[in-house]
C-alpha atoms as a PDB file:
ATOM      1  CA  UNK A   1      -0.082   0.461   0.250  1.00  0.00           C
ATOM      2  CA  UNK A   2       2.909   2.646   0.733  1.00  0.00           C
ATOM      3  CA  UNK A   3       4.605   2.673  -2.667  1.00  0.00           C
ATOM      4  CA  UNK A   4       0.959   3.553  -3.996  1.00  0.00           C
ATOM      5  CA  UNK A   5       1.145   6.265  -1.307  1.00  0.00           C
ATOM      6  CA  UNK A   6       4.210   7.466  -2.605  1.00  0.00           C
ATOM      7  CA  UNK A   7       3.180   7.455  -6.846  1.00  0.00           C
ATOM      8  CA  UNK A   8       0.292   9.668  -5.782  1.00  0.00           C
ATOM      9  CA  UNK A   9       2.740  12.218  -3.915  1.00  0.00           C
ATOM     10  CA  UNK A  10       4.909  12.089  -6.305  1.00  0.00           C
ATOM     11  CA  UNK A  11       1.900  12.250  -9.236  1.00  0.00           C
ATOM     12  CA  UNK A  12       0.965  15.491  -7.435  1.00  0.00           C
ATOM     13  CA  UNK A  13       4.183  17.126  -6.993  1.00  0.00           C
ATOM     14  CA  UNK A  14       4.670  16.664 -11.057  1.00  0.00           C
ATOM     15  CA  UNK A  15       1.211  18.155 -11.524  1.00  0.00           C
ATOM     16  CA  UNK A  16       2.067  20.673  -8.969  1.00  0.00           C
ATOM     17  CA  UNK A  17       5.239  21.470 -10.988  1.00  0.00           C
ATOM     18  CA  UNK A  18       3.882  22.019 -13.899  1.00  0.00           C
ATOM     19  CA  UNK A  19       1.478  24.260 -13.156  1.00  0.00           C
ATOM     20  CA  UNK A  20       3.838  26.166 -11.436  1.00  0.00           C
ATOM     21  CA  UNK A  21       5.958  25.897 -14.602  1.00  0.00           C
ATOM     22  CA  UNK A  22       2.549  27.070 -16.574  1.00  0.00           C
ATOM     23  CA  UNK A  23       2.295  30.303 -14.558  1.00  0.00           C
ATOM     24  CA  UNK A  24       5.855  31.742 -14.719  1.00  0.00           C
ATOM     25  CA  UNK A  25       5.522  30.762 -18.317  1.00  0.00           C
ATOM     26  CA  UNK A  26       2.761  33.027 -18.969  1.00  0.00           C
ATOM     27  CA  UNK A  27       0.698  30.035 -20.549  1.00  0.00           C
ATOM     28  CA  UNK A  28      -2.523  29.834 -21.371  1.00  0.00           C
ATOM     29  CA  UNK A  29      -5.036  30.499 -18.421  1.00  0.00           C
ATOM     30  CA  UNK A  30      -7.624  27.735 -19.358  1.00  0.00           C
ATOM     31  CA  UNK A  31      -4.922  25.319 -19.302  1.00  0.00           C
ATOM     32  CA  UNK A  32      -3.406  26.782 -15.804  1.00  0.00           C
ATOM     33  CA  UNK A  33      -7.019  26.364 -14.475  1.00  0.00           C
ATOM     34  CA  UNK A  34      -7.033  22.691 -15.191  1.00  0.00           C
ATOM     35  CA  UNK A  35      -4.190  21.955 -14.456  1.00  0.00           C
ATOM     36  CA  UNK A  36      -4.691  23.374 -10.636  1.00  0.00           C
ATOM     37  CA  UNK A  37      -7.900  21.334 -11.146  1.00  0.00           C
ATOM     38  CA  UNK A  38      -5.808  18.431 -11.535  1.00  0.00           C
ATOM     39  CA  UNK A  39      -4.073  18.935  -8.213  1.00  0.00           C
ATOM     40  CA  UNK A  40      -6.829  19.121  -6.179  1.00  0.00           C
ATOM     41  CA  UNK A  41      -7.931  15.901  -7.473  1.00  0.00           C
ATOM     42  CA  UNK A  42      -4.818  14.305  -7.191  1.00  0.00           C
ATOM     43  CA  UNK A  43      -4.154  15.225  -4.159  1.00  0.00           C
ATOM     44  CA  UNK A  44      -8.049  14.414  -2.701  1.00  0.00           C
ATOM     45  CA  UNK A  45      -7.199  11.024  -4.218  1.00  0.00           C
ATOM     46  CA  UNK A  46      -3.561  11.250  -2.187  1.00  0.00           C
ATOM     47  CA  UNK A  47      -5.325  11.421   1.347  1.00  0.00           C
ATOM     48  CA  UNK A  48      -7.826   8.912   0.695  1.00  0.00           C
ATOM     49  CA  UNK A  49      -4.553   6.701  -0.377  1.00  0.00           C
ATOM     50  CA  UNK A  50      -2.709   7.835   3.052  1.00  0.00           C
ATOM     51  CA  UNK A  51      -5.748   7.815   5.313  1.00  0.00           C
ATOM     52  CA  UNK A  52      -5.924   4.161   4.216  1.00  0.00           C
ATOM     53  CA  UNK A  53      -2.942   3.240   4.443  1.00  0.00           C
ATOM     54  CA  UNK A  54      -2.674   4.369   8.024  1.00  0.00           C
ATOM     55  CA  UNK A  55      -5.898   2.866   8.877  1.00  0.00           C
ATOM     56  CA  UNK A  56      -4.510  -0.923   7.557  1.00  0.00           C
ATOM     57  CA  UNK A  57      -1.140  -0.134   9.332  1.00  0.00           C
ATOM     58  CA  UNK A  58      -3.008   0.612  12.719  1.00  0.00           C
ATOM     59  CA  UNK A  59      -4.714  -2.609  12.695  1.00  0.00           C
END
């Protein structure tokens, strides 16, 4: 379960980097907005996976 959590966190980091680079380069506003939406969704998945991992580990 832990590798899945690590992969999810790395995905969030990658999406965040893409968003920050897009903001720095003054890219398309719609693309920047979409990337930030992807980041929020990826963070939600990562948080759920962390909670599941903690729950499984505590039993």
